[in-house]
């Protein structure tokens, strides 16, 4: 994921924290959300370095 290398380490850490706190909701929205929710969820997953569900 080349895009992740463009982010500062503190940004990546912030996205990892968001993911750890809202893991279920982000995974759900990545699969079943409307287009805006999916975009947000996939952004969090990508920047946090998590494989998409």
N, C-alpha and C. Protein backbone atom coordinates (compact mmCIF):
# COMPACT_ATOMS: atom_id res chain seq x y z
N UNK A 1 0.84 -1.18 0.00
CA UNK A 1 0.00 0.00 0.00
C UNK A 1 0.88 1.24 0.00
N UNK A 2 1.10 1.75 -1.16
CA UNK A 2 2.00 2.87 -1.31
C UNK A 2 1.46 4.13 -0.68
N UNK A 3 0.17 4.33 -0.66
CA UNK A 3 -0.42 5.55 -0.11
C UNK A 3 -0.09 5.72 1.36
N UNK A 4 0.05 4.65 2.08
CA UNK A 4 0.31 4.73 3.51
C UNK A 4 1.66 5.39 3.78
N UNK A 5 2.62 5.21 2.91
CA UNK A 5 3.93 5.79 3.14
C UNK A 5 3.90 7.32 3.07
N UNK A 6 2.83 7.90 2.55
CA UNK A 6 2.71 9.34 2.45
C UNK A 6 2.23 9.97 3.75
N UNK A 7 1.84 9.19 4.71
CA UNK A 7 1.32 9.70 5.97
C UNK A 7 2.40 9.75 7.03
N UNK A 8 2.30 10.72 7.92
CA UNK A 8 3.23 10.82 9.03
C UNK A 8 2.92 9.69 10.02
N UNK A 9 3.92 9.25 10.77
CA UNK A 9 3.70 8.16 11.74
C UNK A 9 2.60 8.46 12.74
N UNK A 10 2.49 9.72 13.18
CA UNK A 10 1.44 10.05 14.14
C UNK A 10 0.05 9.95 13.52
N UNK A 11 -0.05 10.18 12.22
CA UNK A 11 -1.33 10.03 11.53
C UNK A 11 -1.72 8.56 11.47
N UNK A 12 -0.76 7.73 11.14
CA UNK A 12 -1.01 6.29 11.09
C UNK A 12 -1.42 5.77 12.47
N UNK A 13 -0.72 6.24 13.49
CA UNK A 13 -1.06 5.83 14.86
C UNK A 13 -2.48 6.27 15.23
N UNK A 14 -2.87 7.46 14.80
CA UNK A 14 -4.23 7.95 15.09
C UNK A 14 -5.27 7.08 14.40
N UNK A 15 -5.01 6.67 13.16
CA UNK A 15 -5.96 5.82 12.45
C UNK A 15 -6.01 4.43 13.08
N UNK A 16 -4.87 3.94 13.55
CA UNK A 16 -4.86 2.64 14.24
C UNK A 16 -5.68 2.71 15.52
N UNK A 17 -5.60 3.84 16.22
CA UNK A 17 -6.38 4.01 17.45
C UNK A 17 -7.87 4.05 17.12
N UNK A 18 -8.24 4.79 16.08
CA UNK A 18 -9.64 4.85 15.65
C UNK A 18 -10.13 3.44 15.34
N UNK A 19 -9.32 2.68 14.60
CA UNK A 19 -9.72 1.33 14.23
C UNK A 19 -9.86 0.44 15.46
N UNK A 20 -8.93 0.55 16.40
CA UNK A 20 -9.00 -0.31 17.58
C UNK A 20 -10.22 0.00 18.44
N UNK A 21 -10.64 1.25 18.46
CA UNK A 21 -11.80 1.64 19.27
C UNK A 21 -13.13 1.32 18.58
N UNK A 22 -13.15 1.33 17.26
CA UNK A 22 -14.40 1.16 16.52
C UNK A 22 -14.31 0.04 15.48
N UNK A 23 -13.57 -1.00 15.82
CA UNK A 23 -13.29 -2.08 14.88
C UNK A 23 -14.56 -2.67 14.25
N UNK A 24 -15.52 -3.04 15.09
CA UNK A 24 -16.74 -3.67 14.57
C UNK A 24 -17.49 -2.75 13.62
N UNK A 25 -17.66 -1.50 14.02
CA UNK A 25 -18.41 -0.54 13.20
C UNK A 25 -17.70 -0.28 11.88
N UNK A 26 -16.39 -0.14 11.91
CA UNK A 26 -15.64 0.14 10.68
C UNK A 26 -15.71 -1.05 9.73
N UNK A 27 -15.54 -2.26 10.26
CA UNK A 27 -15.64 -3.45 9.41
C UNK A 27 -17.04 -3.59 8.82
N UNK A 28 -18.07 -3.30 9.62
CA UNK A 28 -19.45 -3.39 9.14
C UNK A 28 -19.69 -2.37 8.03
N UNK A 29 -19.27 -1.13 8.25
CA UNK A 29 -19.50 -0.07 7.26
C UNK A 29 -18.69 -0.30 5.99
N UNK A 30 -17.53 -0.93 6.11
CA UNK A 30 -16.74 -1.25 4.92
C UNK A 30 -17.46 -2.25 4.02
N UNK A 31 -18.25 -3.13 4.64
CA UNK A 31 -18.98 -4.14 3.87
C UNK A 31 -20.38 -3.68 3.46
N UNK A 32 -21.10 -3.05 4.38
CA UNK A 32 -22.52 -2.82 4.17
C UNK A 32 -22.95 -1.36 4.18
N UNK A 33 -22.04 -0.44 4.37
CA UNK A 33 -22.40 0.97 4.47
C UNK A 33 -22.76 1.57 3.13
N UNK A 34 -23.31 2.79 3.19
CA UNK A 34 -23.55 3.52 1.95
C UNK A 34 -22.20 3.94 1.39
N UNK A 35 -22.15 4.49 0.17
CA UNK A 35 -20.85 4.82 -0.44
C UNK A 35 -19.96 5.72 0.40
N UNK A 36 -20.53 6.68 1.11
CA UNK A 36 -19.73 7.57 1.95
C UNK A 36 -19.15 6.82 3.14
N UNK A 37 -19.97 5.99 3.78
CA UNK A 37 -19.50 5.21 4.92
C UNK A 37 -18.42 4.22 4.50
N UNK A 38 -18.61 3.59 3.34
CA UNK A 38 -17.61 2.66 2.83
C UNK A 38 -16.28 3.37 2.58
N UNK A 39 -16.35 4.55 1.99
CA UNK A 39 -15.13 5.31 1.70
C UNK A 39 -14.39 5.65 2.98
N UNK A 40 -15.11 6.11 4.00
CA UNK A 40 -14.47 6.43 5.28
C UNK A 40 -13.85 5.18 5.89
N UNK A 41 -14.61 4.10 5.94
CA UNK A 41 -14.13 2.87 6.56
C UNK A 41 -12.91 2.32 5.82
N UNK A 42 -12.95 2.33 4.50
CA UNK A 42 -11.82 1.81 3.75
C UNK A 42 -10.59 2.71 3.89
N UNK A 43 -10.80 4.00 4.06
CA UNK A 43 -9.68 4.90 4.31
C UNK A 43 -9.03 4.57 5.65
N UNK A 44 -9.85 4.37 6.67
CA UNK A 44 -9.31 4.01 7.99
C UNK A 44 -8.55 2.69 7.89
N UNK A 45 -9.12 1.72 7.23
CA UNK A 45 -8.47 0.42 7.11
C UNK A 45 -7.15 0.52 6.34
N UNK A 46 -7.13 1.30 5.29
CA UNK A 46 -5.92 1.44 4.48
C UNK A 46 -4.81 2.14 5.24
N UNK A 47 -5.14 3.27 5.86
CA UNK A 47 -4.11 4.02 6.56
C UNK A 47 -3.63 3.27 7.80
N UNK A 48 -4.52 2.57 8.46
CA UNK A 48 -4.13 1.79 9.64
C UNK A 48 -3.35 0.53 9.26
N UNK A 49 -3.37 0.18 7.99
CA UNK A 49 -2.62 -1.00 7.54
C UNK A 49 -3.32 -2.31 7.82
N UNK A 50 -4.64 -2.24 7.91
CA UNK A 50 -5.45 -3.43 8.20
C UNK A 50 -5.97 -3.99 6.87
N UNK A 51 -5.93 -5.31 6.72
CA UNK A 51 -6.50 -5.93 5.53
C UNK A 51 -8.00 -5.71 5.53
N UNK A 52 -8.55 -5.42 4.36
CA UNK A 52 -9.99 -5.22 4.28
C UNK A 52 -10.71 -6.52 4.56
N UNK A 53 -11.83 -6.41 5.29
CA UNK A 53 -12.56 -7.62 5.68
C UNK A 53 -13.20 -8.31 4.49
